[in-house]
Amino acid sequence: MSETDQPKKAATPLGALVTLSVMFPGSGQLANGQRAKGVVTIIVSALLFVDILVHTFILALPLAGAWMQDKPPVIDEHITDPLKTLLIIIGAAFAIWLWALVDTIVVYRRRETEKGGAA
């Protein structure tokens, strides 16, 4: 069987790509055939997710400890500094999520346009 006789892989529908990208940033790039970009996006997103969890616990522990001792929590630099960092991390994670979603759509449309022009 020659290379031209092999059936071509069907393109993933845009709706499925968007759903993948919304749920797991980077998976839309993988489905579009952009392995390196997809893997890097998944790794960065996973690291940001872990960092969000760590900073959430850093914030929650002093607050929970104060509440368990029936004391009002003290809001000082031990709370505000991790909170600022957490908000920056959440902003970065959102930006990467949004970029991955838009990139998935743009690459899909570019490929569809190229297919339409080549046909």
Protein backbone atom coordinates (compact mmCIF):
# COMPACT_ATOMS: atom_id res chain seq x y z
CA MET A 1 0.00 0.00 0.00
CA SER A 2 1.49 3.32 -0.97
CA GLU A 3 1.38 6.47 1.11
CA THR A 4 -1.39 7.93 -1.05
CA ASP A 5 -3.58 4.83 -0.61
CA GLN A 6 -3.66 5.12 3.19
CA PRO A 7 -6.76 6.80 4.59
CA LYS A 8 -6.10 10.24 6.02
CA LYS A 9 -6.76 10.85 9.69
CA ALA A 10 -10.03 12.70 10.12
CA ALA A 11 -9.76 16.12 11.74
CA THR A 12 -11.11 16.46 15.25
CA PRO A 13 -14.26 18.64 15.26
CA LEU A 14 -13.84 22.16 16.66
CA GLY A 15 -16.37 21.56 19.44
CA ALA A 16 -14.38 18.59 20.74
CA LEU A 17 -11.15 20.60 20.58
CA VAL A 18 -12.68 23.48 22.52
CA THR A 19 -14.07 21.10 25.14
CA LEU A 20 -10.68 19.44 25.54
CA SER A 21 -8.91 22.78 25.81
CA VAL A 22 -11.39 24.14 28.35
CA MET A 23 -11.07 21.07 30.56
CA PHE A 24 -7.32 20.49 30.23
CA PRO A 25 -5.18 23.33 28.86
CA GLY A 26 -2.77 21.88 26.30
CA SER A 27 -4.95 18.96 25.25
CA GLY A 28 -6.37 20.99 22.37
CA GLN A 29 -2.83 21.54 21.10
CA LEU A 30 -2.14 17.81 21.37
CA ALA A 31 -5.32 17.02 19.44
CA ASN A 32 -4.27 19.57 16.78
CA GLY A 33 -1.00 17.68 16.38
CA GLN A 34 1.17 20.22 18.19
CA ARG A 35 2.87 17.83 20.59
CA ALA A 36 5.64 20.05 21.98
CA LYS A 37 3.32 23.01 22.56
CA GLY A 38 0.69 20.76 24.13
CA VAL A 39 3.10 18.99 26.48
CA VAL A 40 4.68 22.26 27.62
CA THR A 41 1.24 23.80 28.23
CA ILE A 42 0.08 20.76 30.20
CA ILE A 43 3.23 20.74 32.35
CA VAL A 44 3.05 24.49 33.06
CA SER A 45 -0.67 24.25 33.84
CA ALA A 46 -0.10 21.30 36.19
CA LEU A 47 2.70 23.14 38.01
CA LEU A 48 0.51 26.23 38.38
CA PHE A 49 -2.33 24.07 39.71
CA VAL A 50 -0.03 22.53 42.33
CA ASP A 51 1.24 26.00 43.25
CA ILE A 52 -2.34 27.23 43.66
CA LEU A 53 -3.04 24.33 46.03
CA VAL A 54 0.13 25.00 48.05
CA HIS A 55 -0.63 28.70 48.42
CA THR A 56 -4.23 27.95 49.34
CA PHE A 57 -3.03 25.73 52.19
CA ILE A 58 -0.47 28.37 53.23
CA LEU A 59 -3.38 30.80 53.54
CA ALA A 60 -5.84 28.40 55.12
CA LEU A 61 -3.67 26.95 57.90
CA PRO A 62 -3.23 30.11 60.02
CA LEU A 63 -6.87 31.05 59.52
CA ALA A 64 -8.11 27.57 60.46
CA GLY A 65 -5.80 27.48 63.48
CA ALA A 66 -7.17 30.77 64.76
CA TRP A 67 -10.75 29.68 64.23
CA MET A 68 -10.15 26.37 65.99
CA GLN A 69 -8.86 28.29 69.02
CA ASP A 70 -11.93 30.56 68.95
CA LYS A 71 -9.73 33.57 68.20
CA PRO A 72 -10.29 36.05 65.41
CA PRO A 73 -7.72 35.53 62.65
CA VAL A 74 -4.97 38.10 62.45
CA ILE A 75 -4.63 39.49 58.97
CA ASP A 76 -0.97 40.45 58.63
CA GLU A 77 1.86 39.88 56.17
CA HIS A 78 1.63 36.12 56.87
CA ILE A 79 -1.76 36.25 55.15
CA THR A 80 -1.47 39.14 52.70
CA ASP A 81 1.85 38.11 51.09
CA PRO A 82 0.71 34.57 50.18
CA LEU A 83 -2.64 36.02 49.08
CA LYS A 84 -0.92 38.42 46.67
CA THR A 85 1.18 35.57 45.33
CA LEU A 86 -1.89 33.35 44.99
CA LEU A 87 -3.74 36.01 43.02
CA ILE A 88 -0.77 36.42 40.66
CA ILE A 89 -0.57 32.65 40.15
CA ILE A 90 -4.32 32.42 39.50
CA GLY A 91 -3.99 35.27 36.97
CA ALA A 92 -1.13 33.49 35.21
CA ALA A 93 -3.06 30.20 35.17
CA PHE A 94 -6.11 31.96 33.72
CA ALA A 95 -3.98 33.66 31.06
CA ILE A 96 -2.43 30.33 30.02
CA TRP A 97 -5.85 28.65 30.00
CA LEU A 98 -7.28 31.43 27.82
CA TRP A 99 -4.25 31.40 25.50
CA ALA A 100 -4.51 27.60 25.09
CA LEU A 101 -8.20 27.90 24.23
CA VAL A 102 -7.70 30.70 21.69
CA ASP A 103 -4.64 29.00 20.19
CA THR A 104 -6.60 25.77 19.72
CA ILE A 105 -9.32 27.62 17.80
CA VAL A 106 -6.89 29.71 15.72
CA VAL A 107 -4.79 26.71 14.70
CA TYR A 108 -7.91 24.68 13.84
CA ARG A 109 -9.33 27.48 11.67
CA ARG A 110 -5.97 28.08 9.97
CA ARG A 111 -5.73 24.39 9.07
CA GLU A 112 -9.31 24.32 7.82
CA THR A 113 -8.62 27.40 5.66
CA GLU A 114 -5.47 25.81 4.25
CA LYS A 115 -7.38 22.61 3.49
CA GLY A 116 -10.13 24.58 1.75
CA GLY A 117 -7.62 26.54 -0.33
CA ALA A 118 -5.64 23.44 -1.27
CA ALA A 119 -8.67 21.43 -2.36
